[in-house]
């Protein structure tokens, strides 16, 4: 498990596990009362599938309540963030498609869900 400033992630399948390059499957956990910073990816697409908890996910300045069983897609350039306002962990499967070897994340200032 890798711990970041506002979330942790567990890699399920790394880019080496896929025959095609640029794919990654991970489970991201956002702790209670935590906002994930607004950001975008220049090249990769992310598909989210909600496992546990309830949070507000913002994609392209639109807020959605994300619950278990919900799914979302963020295309390259789509700004997105997450806000877990509950007292429980929020867990989401993240499938990264076309993930470059170098980080393509732009963290944006002032981003609140």
PDB file of N, CA and C in Angstrom:
ATOM      1  N   UNK A   1       0.846  -1.186   0.000  1.00  0.00           N
ATOM      2  CA  UNK A   1       0.000   0.000   0.000  1.00  0.00           C
ATOM      3  C   UNK A   1       0.888   1.244   0.000  1.00  0.00           C
ATOM      4  N   UNK A   2       0.545   2.186  -0.865  1.00  0.00           N
ATOM      5  CA  UNK A   2       1.266   3.453  -0.972  1.00  0.00           C
ATOM      6  C   UNK A   2       0.397   4.538  -0.343  1.00  0.00           C
ATOM      7  N   UNK A   3       0.961   5.311   0.578  1.00  0.00           N
ATOM      8  CA  UNK A   3       0.224   6.376   1.250  1.00  0.00           C
ATOM      9  C   UNK A   3       0.643   7.720   0.673  1.00  0.00           C
ATOM     10  N   UNK A   4      -0.353   8.484   0.222  1.00  0.00           N
ATOM     11  CA  UNK A   4      -0.141   9.825  -0.307  1.00  0.00           C
ATOM     12  C   UNK A   4      -0.740  10.829   0.677  1.00  0.00           C
ATOM     13  N   UNK A   5      -0.687  12.099   0.326  1.00  0.00           N
ATOM     14  CA  UNK A   5      -1.163  13.161   1.216  1.00  0.00           C
ATOM     15  C   UNK A   5      -2.637  13.000   1.585  1.00  0.00           C
ATOM     16  N   UNK A   6      -3.494  12.685   0.615  1.00  0.00           N
ATOM     17  CA  UNK A   6      -4.929  12.666   0.865  1.00  0.00           C
ATOM     18  C   UNK A   6      -5.606  11.360   0.442  1.00  0.00           C
ATOM     19  N   UNK A   7      -4.836  10.298   0.284  1.00  0.00           N
ATOM     20  CA  UNK A   7      -5.393   8.987  -0.054  1.00  0.00           C
ATOM     21  C   UNK A   7      -4.294   7.936   0.060  1.00  0.00           C
ATOM     22  N   UNK A   8      -4.712   6.677   0.008  1.00  0.00           N
ATOM     23  CA  UNK A   8      -3.747   5.586  -0.103  1.00  0.00           C
ATOM     24  C   UNK A   8      -4.187   4.709  -1.263  1.00  0.00           C
ATOM     25  N   UNK A   9      -3.248   3.945  -1.816  1.00  0.00           N
ATOM     26  CA  UNK A   9      -3.597   3.100  -2.956  1.00  0.00           C
ATOM     27  C   UNK A   9      -2.881   1.764  -2.850  1.00  0.00           C
ATOM     28  N   UNK A  10      -3.597   0.731  -3.269  1.00  0.00           N
ATOM     29  CA  UNK A  10      -3.047  -0.614  -3.319  1.00  0.00           C
ATOM     30  C   UNK A  10      -3.111  -1.084  -4.765  1.00  0.00           C
ATOM     31  N   UNK A  11      -1.965  -1.358  -5.357  1.00  0.00           N
ATOM     32  CA  UNK A  11      -1.913  -1.820  -6.742  1.00  0.00           C
ATOM     33  C   UNK A  11      -2.380  -3.271  -6.788  1.00  0.00           C
ATOM     34  N   UNK A  12      -3.387  -3.549  -7.597  1.00  0.00           N
ATOM     35  CA  UNK A  12      -3.890  -4.911  -7.783  1.00  0.00           C
ATOM     36  C   UNK A  12      -3.163  -5.557  -8.961  1.00  0.00           C
ATOM     37  N   UNK A  13      -3.159  -4.859 -10.110  1.00  0.00           N
ATOM     38  CA  UNK A  13      -2.397  -5.281 -11.287  1.00  0.00           C
ATOM     39  C   UNK A  13      -1.588  -4.087 -11.768  1.00  0.00           C
ATOM     40  N   UNK A  14      -0.277  -4.249 -11.866  1.00  0.00           N
ATOM     41  CA  UNK A  14       0.584  -3.166 -12.333  1.00  0.00           C
ATOM     42  C   UNK A  14       0.625  -3.172 -13.861  1.00  0.00           C
ATOM     43  N   UNK A  15       1.297  -2.186 -14.411  1.00  0.00           N
ATOM     44  CA  UNK A  15       1.410  -2.106 -15.873  1.00  0.00           C
ATOM     45  C   UNK A  15       2.130  -3.331 -16.432  1.00  0.00           C
ATOM     46  N   UNK A  16       2.968  -3.968 -15.642  1.00  0.00           N
ATOM     47  CA  UNK A  16       3.682  -5.171 -16.098  1.00  0.00           C
ATOM     48  C   UNK A  16       2.780  -6.394 -16.204  1.00  0.00           C
ATOM     49  N   UNK A  17       1.623  -6.374 -15.550  1.00  0.00           N
ATOM     50  CA  UNK A  17       0.720  -7.525 -15.558  1.00  0.00           C
ATOM     51  C   UNK A  17      -0.151  -7.603 -16.808  1.00  0.00           C
ATOM     52  N   UNK A  18      -0.232  -6.526 -17.572  1.00  0.00           N
ATOM     53  CA  UNK A  18      -1.062  -6.486 -18.776  1.00  0.00           C
ATOM     54  C   UNK A  18      -0.200  -6.706 -20.011  1.00  0.00           C
ATOM     55  N   UNK A  19      -0.769  -7.368 -21.014  1.00  0.00           N
ATOM     56  CA  UNK A  19      -0.035  -7.545 -22.273  1.00  0.00           C
ATOM     57  C   UNK A  19       0.148  -6.213 -22.984  1.00  0.00           C
ATOM     58  N   UNK A  20      -0.893  -5.379 -22.956  1.00  0.00           N
ATOM     59  CA  UNK A  20      -0.792  -4.053 -23.568  1.00  0.00           C
ATOM     60  C   UNK A  20      -0.181  -3.091 -22.555  1.00  0.00           C
ATOM     61  N   UNK A  21       0.548  -2.116 -23.046  1.00  0.00           N
ATOM     62  CA  UNK A  21       1.186  -1.142 -22.164  1.00  0.00           C
ATOM     63  C   UNK A  21       0.186  -0.098 -21.676  1.00  0.00           C
ATOM     64  N   UNK A  22       0.468   0.445 -20.506  1.00  0.00           N
ATOM     65  CA  UNK A  22      -0.267   1.612 -20.041  1.00  0.00           C
ATOM     66  C   UNK A  22      -1.516   1.344 -19.236  1.00  0.00           C
ATOM     67  N   UNK A  23      -1.727   0.121 -18.744  1.00  0.00           N
ATOM     68  CA  UNK A  23      -2.906  -0.164 -17.926  1.00  0.00           C
ATOM     69  C   UNK A  23      -2.474  -0.428 -16.490  1.00  0.00           C
ATOM     70  N   UNK A  24      -3.354  -0.094 -15.552  1.00  0.00           N
ATOM     71  CA  UNK A  24      -3.072  -0.306 -14.137  1.00  0.00           C
ATOM     72  C   UNK A  24      -4.407  -0.418 -13.413  1.00  0.00           C
ATOM     73  N   UNK A  25      -4.500  -1.339 -12.462  1.00  0.00           N
ATOM     74  CA  UNK A  25      -5.710  -1.498 -11.656  1.00  0.00           C
ATOM     75  C   UNK A  25      -5.320  -1.353 -10.191  1.00  0.00           C
ATOM     76  N   UNK A  26      -6.015  -0.458  -9.489  1.00  0.00           N
ATOM     77  CA  UNK A  26      -5.691  -0.218  -8.088  1.00  0.00           C
ATOM     78  C   UNK A  26      -6.963   0.063  -7.292  1.00  0.00           C
ATOM     79  N   UNK A  27      -6.868  -0.106  -5.985  1.00  0.00           N
ATOM     80  CA  UNK A  27      -7.935   0.299  -5.079  1.00  0.00           C
ATOM     81  C   UNK A  27      -7.425   1.506  -4.301  1.00  0.00           C
ATOM     82  N   UNK A  28      -8.185   2.596  -4.375  1.00  0.00           N
ATOM     83  CA  UNK A  28      -7.829   3.835  -3.687  1.00  0.00           C
ATOM     84  C   UNK A  28      -8.746   3.993  -2.475  1.00  0.00           C
ATOM     85  N   UNK A  29      -8.161   4.345  -1.347  1.00  0.00           N
ATOM     86  CA  UNK A  29      -8.920   4.600  -0.123  1.00  0.00           C
ATOM     87  C   UNK A  29      -8.725   6.056   0.279  1.00  0.00           C
ATOM     88  N   UNK A  30      -9.856   6.758   0.440  1.00  0.00           N
ATOM     89  CA  UNK A  30      -9.826   8.145   0.911  1.00  0.00           C
ATOM     90  C   UNK A  30     -10.378   8.129   2.338  1.00  0.00           C
ATOM     91  N   UNK A  31      -9.580   8.547   3.322  1.00  0.00           N
ATOM     92  CA  UNK A  31     -10.017   8.495   4.721  1.00  0.00           C
ATOM     93  C   UNK A  31     -11.189   9.435   5.003  1.00  0.00           C
ATOM     94  N   UNK A  32     -11.862   9.230   6.132  1.00  0.00           N
ATOM     95  CA  UNK A  32     -12.974  10.115   6.508  1.00  0.00           C
ATOM     96  C   UNK A  32     -12.545  11.581   6.566  1.00  0.00           C
ATOM     97  N   UNK A  33     -13.488  12.449   6.193  1.00  0.00           N
ATOM     98  CA  UNK A  33     -13.308  13.897   6.272  1.00  0.00           C
ATOM     99  C   UNK A  33     -12.069  14.374   5.514  1.00  0.00           C
ATOM    100  N   UNK A  34     -11.832  13.784   4.343  1.00  0.00           N
ATOM    101  CA  UNK A  34     -10.652  14.126   3.545  1.00  0.00           C
ATOM    102  C   UNK A  34     -11.066  14.539   2.139  1.00  0.00           C
ATOM    103  N   UNK A  35     -10.443  15.612   1.650  1.00  0.00           N
ATOM    104  CA  UNK A  35     -10.639  16.063   0.271  1.00  0.00           C
ATOM    105  C   UNK A  35      -9.423  15.667  -0.546  1.00  0.00           C
ATOM    106  N   UNK A  36      -9.661  15.017  -1.670  1.00  0.00           N
ATOM    107  CA  UNK A  36      -8.573  14.752  -2.613  1.00  0.00           C
ATOM    108  C   UNK A  36      -8.467  15.985  -3.501  1.00  0.00           C
ATOM    109  N   UNK A  37      -7.264  16.451  -3.692  1.00  0.00           N
ATOM    110  CA  UNK A  37      -7.056  17.690  -4.439  1.00  0.00           C
ATOM    111  C   UNK A  37      -7.525  17.577  -5.894  1.00  0.00           C
ATOM    112  N   UNK A  38      -7.994  18.697  -6.413  1.00  0.00           N
ATOM    113  CA  UNK A  38      -8.411  18.782  -7.806  1.00  0.00           C
ATOM    114  C   UNK A  38      -7.204  18.554  -8.700  1.00  0.00           C
ATOM    115  N   UNK A  39      -7.382  17.714  -9.715  1.00  0.00           N
ATOM    116  CA  UNK A  39      -6.271  17.408 -10.619  1.00  0.00           C
ATOM    117  C   UNK A  39      -6.809  16.914 -11.951  1.00  0.00           C
ATOM    118  N   UNK A  40      -5.902  16.730 -12.887  1.00  0.00           N
ATOM    119  CA  UNK A  40      -6.243  16.144 -14.180  1.00  0.00           C
ATOM    120  C   UNK A  40      -5.064  15.305 -14.643  1.00  0.00           C
ATOM    121  N   UNK A  41      -5.339  14.445 -15.613  1.00  0.00           N
ATOM    122  CA  UNK A  41      -4.292  13.644 -16.249  1.00  0.00           C
ATOM    123  C   UNK A  41      -4.254  14.031 -17.721  1.00  0.00           C
ATOM    124  N   UNK A  42      -3.073  14.307 -18.213  1.00  0.00           N
ATOM    125  CA  UNK A  42      -2.927  14.774 -19.593  1.00  0.00           C
ATOM    126  C   UNK A  42      -3.165  13.673 -20.618  1.00  0.00           C
ATOM    127  N   UNK A  43      -2.813  12.420 -20.302  1.00  0.00           N
ATOM    128  CA  UNK A  43      -2.886  11.347 -21.299  1.00  0.00           C
ATOM    129  C   UNK A  43      -3.800  10.190 -20.921  1.00  0.00           C
ATOM    130  N   UNK A  44      -3.903   9.871 -19.651  1.00  0.00           N
ATOM    131  CA  UNK A  44      -4.625   8.659 -19.267  1.00  0.00           C
ATOM    132  C   UNK A  44      -6.105   8.885 -19.024  1.00  0.00           C
ATOM    133  N   UNK A  45      -6.866   7.823 -19.227  1.00  0.00           N
ATOM    134  CA  UNK A  45      -8.275   7.756 -18.863  1.00  0.00           C
ATOM    135  C   UNK A  45      -8.362   6.969 -17.565  1.00  0.00           C
ATOM    136  N   UNK A  46      -9.249   7.390 -16.658  1.00  0.00           N
ATOM    137  CA  UNK A  46      -9.477   6.650 -15.424  1.00  0.00           C
ATOM    138  C   UNK A  46     -10.940   6.231 -15.353  1.00  0.00           C
ATOM    139  N   UNK A  47     -11.156   4.962 -15.014  1.00  0.00           N
ATOM    140  CA  UNK A  47     -12.497   4.437 -14.788  1.00  0.00           C
ATOM    141  C   UNK A  47     -12.594   4.133 -13.297  1.00  0.00           C
ATOM    142  N   UNK A  48     -13.628   4.664 -12.653  1.00  0.00           N
ATOM    143  CA  UNK A  48     -13.831   4.479 -11.217  1.00  0.00           C
ATOM    144  C   UNK A  48     -15.031   3.570 -10.977  1.00  0.00           C
ATOM    145  N   UNK A  49     -14.888   2.616 -10.062  1.00  0.00           N
ATOM    146  CA  UNK A  49     -16.010   1.779  -9.615  1.00  0.00           C
ATOM    147  C   UNK A  49     -16.009   1.815  -8.091  1.00  0.00           C
ATOM    148  N   UNK A  50     -17.106   2.295  -7.515  1.00  0.00           N
ATOM    149  CA  UNK A  50     -17.168   2.527  -6.079  1.00  0.00           C
ATOM    150  C   UNK A  50     -17.440   1.214  -5.336  1.00  0.00           C
ATOM    151  N   UNK A  51     -16.576   0.931  -4.342  1.00  0.00           N
ATOM    152  CA  UNK A  51     -16.708  -0.282  -3.530  1.00  0.00           C
ATOM    153  C   UNK A  51     -17.406  -0.031  -2.197  1.00  0.00           C
ATOM    154  N   UNK A  52     -16.946   0.983  -1.459  1.00  0.00           N
ATOM    155  CA  UNK A  52     -17.444   1.225  -0.098  1.00  0.00           C
ATOM    156  C   UNK A  52     -17.531   2.715   0.174  1.00  0.00           C
ATOM    157  N   UNK A  53     -18.513   3.082   0.991  1.00  0.00           N
ATOM    158  CA  UNK A  53     -18.630   4.455   1.450  1.00  0.00           C
ATOM    159  C   UNK A  53     -19.397   5.339   0.483  1.00  0.00           C
ATOM    160  N   UNK A  54     -19.553   6.583   0.894  1.00  0.00           N
ATOM    161  CA  UNK A  54     -20.238   7.594   0.089  1.00  0.00           C
ATOM    162  C   UNK A  54     -19.360   8.837   0.076  1.00  0.00           C
ATOM    163  N   UNK A  55     -19.190   9.424  -1.100  1.00  0.00           N
ATOM    164  CA  UNK A  55     -18.383  10.639  -1.233  1.00  0.00           C
ATOM    165  C   UNK A  55     -18.928  11.473  -2.384  1.00  0.00           C
ATOM    166  N   UNK A  56     -18.479  12.703  -2.454  1.00  0.00           N
ATOM    167  CA  UNK A  56     -18.806  13.567  -3.591  1.00  0.00           C
ATOM    168  C   UNK A  56     -17.614  13.525  -4.536  1.00  0.00           C
ATOM    169  N   UNK A  57     -17.877  13.141  -5.775  1.00  0.00           N
ATOM    170  CA  UNK A  57     -16.833  13.163  -6.792  1.00  0.00           C
ATOM    171  C   UNK A  57     -17.170  14.303  -7.748  1.00  0.00           C
ATOM    172  N   UNK A  58     -16.171  15.107  -8.048  1.00  0.00           N
ATOM    173  CA  UNK A  58     -16.363  16.221  -8.977  1.00  0.00           C
ATOM    174  C   UNK A  58     -15.598  15.905 -10.253  1.00  0.00           C
ATOM    175  N   UNK A  59     -16.319  15.923 -11.368  1.00  0.00           N
ATOM    176  CA  UNK A  59     -15.718  15.697 -12.680  1.00  0.00           C
ATOM    177  C   UNK A  59     -16.149  16.849 -13.582  1.00  0.00           C
ATOM    178  N   UNK A  60     -15.174  17.562 -14.145  1.00  0.00           N
ATOM    179  CA  UNK A  60     -15.467  18.705 -15.021  1.00  0.00           C
ATOM    180  C   UNK A  60     -16.421  19.699 -14.349  1.00  0.00           C
ATOM    181  N   UNK A  61     -16.147  20.023 -13.073  1.00  0.00           N
ATOM    182  CA  UNK A  61     -16.909  21.012 -12.297  1.00  0.00           C
ATOM    183  C   UNK A  61     -18.345  20.586 -12.005  1.00  0.00           C
ATOM    184  N   UNK A  62     -18.682  19.319 -12.212  1.00  0.00           N
ATOM    185  CA  UNK A  62     -20.011  18.787 -11.890  1.00  0.00           C
ATOM    186  C   UNK A  62     -19.877  17.831 -10.705  1.00  0.00           C
ATOM    187  N   UNK A  63     -20.694  18.033  -9.669  1.00  0.00           N
ATOM    188  CA  UNK A  63     -20.653  17.177  -8.484  1.00  0.00           C
ATOM    189  C   UNK A  63     -21.602  15.992  -8.628  1.00  0.00           C
ATOM    190  N   UNK A  64     -21.126  14.819  -8.207  1.00  0.00           N
ATOM    191  CA  UNK A  64     -21.925  13.593  -8.196  1.00  0.00           C
ATOM    192  C   UNK A  64     -21.763  12.932  -6.832  1.00  0.00           C
ATOM    193  N   UNK A  65     -22.856  12.413  -6.282  1.00  0.00           N
ATOM    194  CA  UNK A  65     -22.756  11.608  -5.072  1.00  0.00           C
ATOM    195  C   UNK A  65     -22.397  10.196  -5.519  1.00  0.00           C
ATOM    196  N   UNK A  66     -21.265   9.702  -5.032  1.00  0.00           N
ATOM    197  CA  UNK A  66     -20.746   8.394  -5.443  1.00  0.00           C
ATOM    198  C   UNK A  66     -21.024   7.377  -4.342  1.00  0.00           C
ATOM    199  N   UNK A  67     -21.750   6.312  -4.717  1.00  0.00           N
ATOM    200  CA  UNK A  67     -22.123   5.253  -3.778  1.00  0.00           C
ATOM    201  C   UNK A  67     -21.659   3.906  -4.318  1.00  0.00           C
ATOM    202  N   UNK A  68     -21.595   2.878  -3.455  1.00  0.00           N
ATOM    203  CA  UNK A  68     -21.191   1.545  -3.924  1.00  0.00           C
ATOM    204  C   UNK A  68     -22.007   1.093  -5.135  1.00  0.00           C
ATOM    205  N   UNK A  69     -21.293   0.601  -6.145  1.00  0.00           N
ATOM    206  CA  UNK A  69     -21.919   0.155  -7.387  1.00  0.00           C
ATOM    207  C   UNK A  69     -21.934   1.205  -8.481  1.00  0.00           C
ATOM    208  N   UNK A  70     -21.675   2.468  -8.136  1.00  0.00           N
ATOM    209  CA  UNK A  70     -21.618   3.531  -9.146  1.00  0.00           C
ATOM    210  C   UNK A  70     -20.298   3.451  -9.908  1.00  0.00           C
ATOM    211  N   UNK A  71     -20.315   3.958 -11.140  1.00  0.00           N
ATOM    212  CA  UNK A  71     -19.110   3.984 -11.972  1.00  0.00           C
ATOM    213  C   UNK A  71     -19.020   5.331 -12.684  1.00  0.00           C
ATOM    214  N   UNK A  72     -17.791   5.792 -12.884  1.00  0.00           N
ATOM    215  CA  UNK A  72     -17.527   7.078 -13.528  1.00  0.00           C
ATOM    216  C   UNK A  72     -16.317   6.932 -14.438  1.00  0.00           C
ATOM    217  N   UNK A  73     -16.257   7.777 -15.481  1.00  0.00           N
ATOM    218  CA  UNK A  73     -15.108   7.810 -16.389  1.00  0.00           C
ATOM    219  C   UNK A  73     -14.560   9.231 -16.425  1.00  0.00           C
ATOM    220  N   UNK A  74     -13.244   9.353 -16.297  1.00  0.00           N
ATOM    221  CA  UNK A  74     -12.553  10.632 -16.483  1.00  0.00           C
ATOM    222  C   UNK A  74     -11.624  10.487 -17.676  1.00  0.00           C
ATOM    223  N   UNK A  75     -11.909  11.233 -18.711  1.00  0.00           N
ATOM    224  CA  UNK A  75     -11.071  11.222 -19.907  1.00  0.00           C
ATOM    225  C   UNK A  75      -9.868  12.136 -19.704  1.00  0.00           C
ATOM    226  N   UNK A  76      -8.845  12.020 -20.539  1.00  0.00           N
ATOM    227  CA  UNK A  76      -7.694  12.917 -20.425  1.00  0.00           C
ATOM    228  C   UNK A  76      -8.148  14.383 -20.429  1.00  0.00           C
ATOM    229  N   UNK A  77      -7.598  15.162 -19.508  1.00  0.00           N
ATOM    230  CA  UNK A  77      -7.936  16.574 -19.420  1.00  0.00           C
ATOM    231  C   UNK A  77      -9.124  16.891 -18.535  1.00  0.00           C
ATOM    232  N   UNK A  78      -9.901  15.872 -18.114  1.00  0.00           N
ATOM    233  CA  UNK A  78     -11.044  16.109 -17.232  1.00  0.00           C
ATOM    234  C   UNK A  78     -10.545  16.412 -15.819  1.00  0.00           C
ATOM    235  N   UNK A  79     -10.883  17.586 -15.302  1.00  0.00           N
ATOM    236  CA  UNK A  79     -10.540  17.876 -13.911  1.00  0.00           C
ATOM    237  C   UNK A  79     -11.420  17.019 -13.011  1.00  0.00           C
ATOM    238  N   UNK A  80     -10.830  16.535 -11.914  1.00  0.00           N
ATOM    239  CA  UNK A  80     -11.610  15.725 -10.983  1.00  0.00           C
ATOM    240  C   UNK A  80     -11.011  15.758  -9.587  1.00  0.00           C
ATOM    241  N   UNK A  81     -11.888  15.533  -8.608  1.00  0.00           N
ATOM    242  CA  UNK A  81     -11.490  15.476  -7.204  1.00  0.00           C
ATOM    243  C   UNK A  81     -12.533  14.662  -6.455  1.00  0.00           C
ATOM    244  N   UNK A  82     -12.242  14.423  -5.198  1.00  0.00           N
ATOM    245  CA  UNK A  82     -13.111  13.589  -4.378  1.00  0.00           C
ATOM    246  C   UNK A  82     -13.154  14.175  -2.980  1.00  0.00           C
ATOM    247  N   UNK A  83     -14.318  14.124  -2.347  1.00  0.00           N
ATOM    248  CA  UNK A  83     -14.462  14.627  -0.997  1.00  0.00           C
ATOM    249  C   UNK A  83     -15.239  13.615  -0.181  1.00  0.00           C
ATOM    250  N   UNK A  84     -14.551  12.982   0.752  1.00  0.00           N
ATOM    251  CA  UNK A  84     -15.192  12.031   1.661  1.00  0.00           C
ATOM    252  C   UNK A  84     -15.598  12.796   2.913  1.00  0.00           C
ATOM    253  N   UNK A  85     -16.879  13.146   3.000  1.00  0.00           N
ATOM    254  CA  UNK A  85     -17.388  13.923   4.132  1.00  0.00           C
ATOM    255  C   UNK A  85     -17.924  13.026   5.247  1.00  0.00           C
ATOM    256  N   UNK A  86     -17.798  11.720   5.084  1.00  0.00           N
ATOM    257  CA  UNK A  86     -18.364  10.780   6.055  1.00  0.00           C
ATOM    258  C   UNK A  86     -17.344  10.416   7.135  1.00  0.00           C
ATOM    259  N   UNK A  87     -17.768   9.561   8.059  1.00  0.00           N
ATOM    260  CA  UNK A  87     -16.866   9.090   9.109  1.00  0.00           C
ATOM    261  C   UNK A  87     -16.341   7.686   8.814  1.00  0.00           C
ATOM    262  N   UNK A  88     -16.472   7.245   7.552  1.00  0.00           N
ATOM    263  CA  UNK A  88     -15.978   5.938   7.121  1.00  0.00           C
ATOM    264  C   UNK A  88     -15.050   6.103   5.923  1.00  0.00           C
ATOM    265  N   UNK A  89     -14.152   5.136   5.732  1.00  0.00           N
ATOM    266  CA  UNK A  89     -13.300   5.140   4.542  1.00  0.00           C
ATOM    267  C   UNK A  89     -14.147   5.054   3.279  1.00  0.00           C
ATOM    268  N   UNK A  90     -13.677   5.696   2.223  1.00  0.00           N
ATOM    269  CA  UNK A  90     -14.282   5.597   0.894  1.00  0.00           C
ATOM    270  C   UNK A  90     -13.310   4.813   0.031  1.00  0.00           C
ATOM    271  N   UNK A  91     -13.787   3.701  -0.553  1.00  0.00           N
ATOM    272  CA  UNK A  91     -12.912   2.852  -1.366  1.00  0.00           C
ATOM    273  C   UNK A  91     -13.445   2.767  -2.787  1.00  0.00           C
ATOM    274  N   UNK A  92     -12.524   2.929  -3.732  1.00  0.00           N
ATOM    275  CA  UNK A  92     -12.886   2.940  -5.146  1.00  0.00           C
ATOM    276  C   UNK A  92     -11.835   2.174  -5.944  1.00  0.00           C
ATOM    277  N   UNK A  93     -12.315   1.338  -6.875  1.00  0.00           N
ATOM    278  CA  UNK A  93     -11.417   0.688  -7.829  1.00  0.00           C
ATOM    279  C   UNK A  93     -11.118   1.708  -8.915  1.00  0.00           C
ATOM    280  N   UNK A  94      -9.851   1.879  -9.242  1.00  0.00           N
ATOM    281  CA  UNK A  94      -9.449   2.795 -10.313  1.00  0.00           C
ATOM    282  C   UNK A  94      -8.705   1.989 -11.369  1.00  0.00           C
ATOM    283  N   UNK A  95      -9.268   1.981 -12.586  1.00  0.00           N
ATOM    284  CA  UNK A  95      -8.619   1.330 -13.722  1.00  0.00           C
ATOM    285  C   UNK A  95      -8.051   2.427 -14.598  1.00  0.00           C
ATOM    286  N   UNK A  96      -6.734   2.457 -14.725  1.00  0.00           N
ATOM    287  CA  UNK A  96      -6.059   3.469 -15.534  1.00  0.00           C
ATOM    288  C   UNK A  96      -5.777   2.887 -16.914  1.00  0.00           C
ATOM    289  N   UNK A  97      -6.155   3.634 -17.934  1.00  0.00           N
ATOM    290  CA  UNK A  97      -5.984   3.216 -19.323  1.00  0.00           C
ATOM    291  C   UNK A  97      -5.076   4.225 -20.011  1.00  0.00           C
ATOM    292  N   UNK A  98      -4.114   3.741 -20.776  1.00  0.00           N
ATOM    293  CA  UNK A  98      -3.173   4.604 -21.490  1.00  0.00           C
ATOM    294  C   UNK A  98      -2.314   5.420 -20.520  1.00  0.00           C
ATOM    295  N   UNK A  99      -1.944   4.801 -19.412  1.00  0.00           N
ATOM    296  CA  UNK A  99      -1.115   5.467 -18.401  1.00  0.00           C
ATOM    297  C   UNK A  99       0.324   5.533 -18.903  1.00  0.00           C
ATOM    298  N   UNK A 100       0.874   6.737 -19.048  1.00  0.00           N
ATOM    299  CA  UNK A 100       2.260   6.847 -19.516  1.00  0.00           C
ATOM    300  C   UNK A 100       3.245   6.432 -18.420  1.00  0.00           C
ATOM    301  N   UNK A 101       4.464   6.137 -18.815  1.00  0.00           N
ATOM    302  CA  UNK A 101       5.492   5.770 -17.833  1.00  0.00           C
ATOM    303  C   UNK A 101       5.787   6.927 -16.885  1.00  0.00           C
ATOM    304  N   UNK A 102       5.820   8.135 -17.415  1.00  0.00           N
ATOM    305  CA  UNK A 102       6.058   9.317 -16.586  1.00  0.00           C
ATOM    306  C   UNK A 102       4.715   9.844 -16.086  1.00  0.00           C
ATOM    307  N   UNK A 103       4.703  10.402 -14.889  1.00  0.00           N
ATOM    308  CA  UNK A 103       3.471  10.919 -14.296  1.00  0.00           C
ATOM    309  C   UNK A 103       2.883  12.025 -15.173  1.00  0.00           C
ATOM    310  N   UNK A 104       1.595  11.904 -15.482  1.00  0.00           N
ATOM    311  CA  UNK A 104       0.926  12.914 -16.314  1.00  0.00           C
ATOM    312  C   UNK A 104      -0.114  13.692 -15.510  1.00  0.00           C
ATOM    313  N   UNK A 105       0.049  13.729 -14.197  1.00  0.00           N
ATOM    314  CA  UNK A 105      -0.908  14.405 -13.322  1.00  0.00           C
ATOM    315  C   UNK A 105      -0.534  15.869 -13.156  1.00  0.00           C
ATOM    316  N   UNK A 106      -1.523  16.742 -13.341  1.00  0.00           N
ATOM    317  CA  UNK A 106      -1.377  18.160 -13.019  1.00  0.00           C
ATOM    318  C   UNK A 106      -2.261  18.434 -11.806  1.00  0.00           C
ATOM    319  N   UNK A 107      -1.650  18.737 -10.653  1.00  0.00           N
ATOM    320  CA  UNK A 107      -2.393  19.094  -9.448  1.00  0.00           C
ATOM    321  C   UNK A 107      -2.737  20.570  -9.547  1.00  0.00           C
ATOM    322  N   UNK A 108      -4.004  20.909  -9.388  1.00  0.00           N
ATOM    323  CA  UNK A 108      -4.496  22.267  -9.598  1.00  0.00           C
ATOM    324  C   UNK A 108      -4.750  22.944  -8.257  1.00  0.00           C
ATOM    325  N   UNK A 109      -4.487  24.229  -8.193  1.00  0.00           N
ATOM    326  CA  UNK A 109      -4.655  24.986  -6.952  1.00  0.00           C
ATOM    327  C   UNK A 109      -6.125  25.302  -6.700  1.00  0.00           C
ATOM    328  N   UNK A 110      -6.461  25.401  -5.429  1.00  0.00           N
ATOM    329  CA  UNK A 110      -7.799  25.861  -5.048  1.00  0.00           C
ATOM    330  C   UNK A 110      -8.915  24.907  -5.390  1.00  0.00           C
ATOM    331  N   UNK A 111      -8.606  23.653  -5.632  1.00  0.00           N
ATOM    332  CA  UNK A 111      -9.638  22.706  -6.035  1.00  0.00           C
ATOM    333  C   UNK A 111     -10.384  22.122  -4.862  1.00  0.00           C
ATOM    334  N   UNK A 112     -11.675  22.410  -4.797  1.00  0.00           N
ATOM    335  CA  UNK A 112     -12.520  21.793  -3.782  1.00  0.00           C
ATOM    336  C   UNK A 112     -13.702  21.147  -4.478  1.00  0.00           C
ATOM    337  N   UNK A 113     -14.064  19.949  -4.038  1.00  0.00           N
ATOM    338  CA  UNK A 113     -15.262  19.316  -4.629  1.00  0.00           C
ATOM    339  C   UNK A 113     -16.500  20.106  -4.320  1.00  0.00           C
TER     340      UNK A 113
END
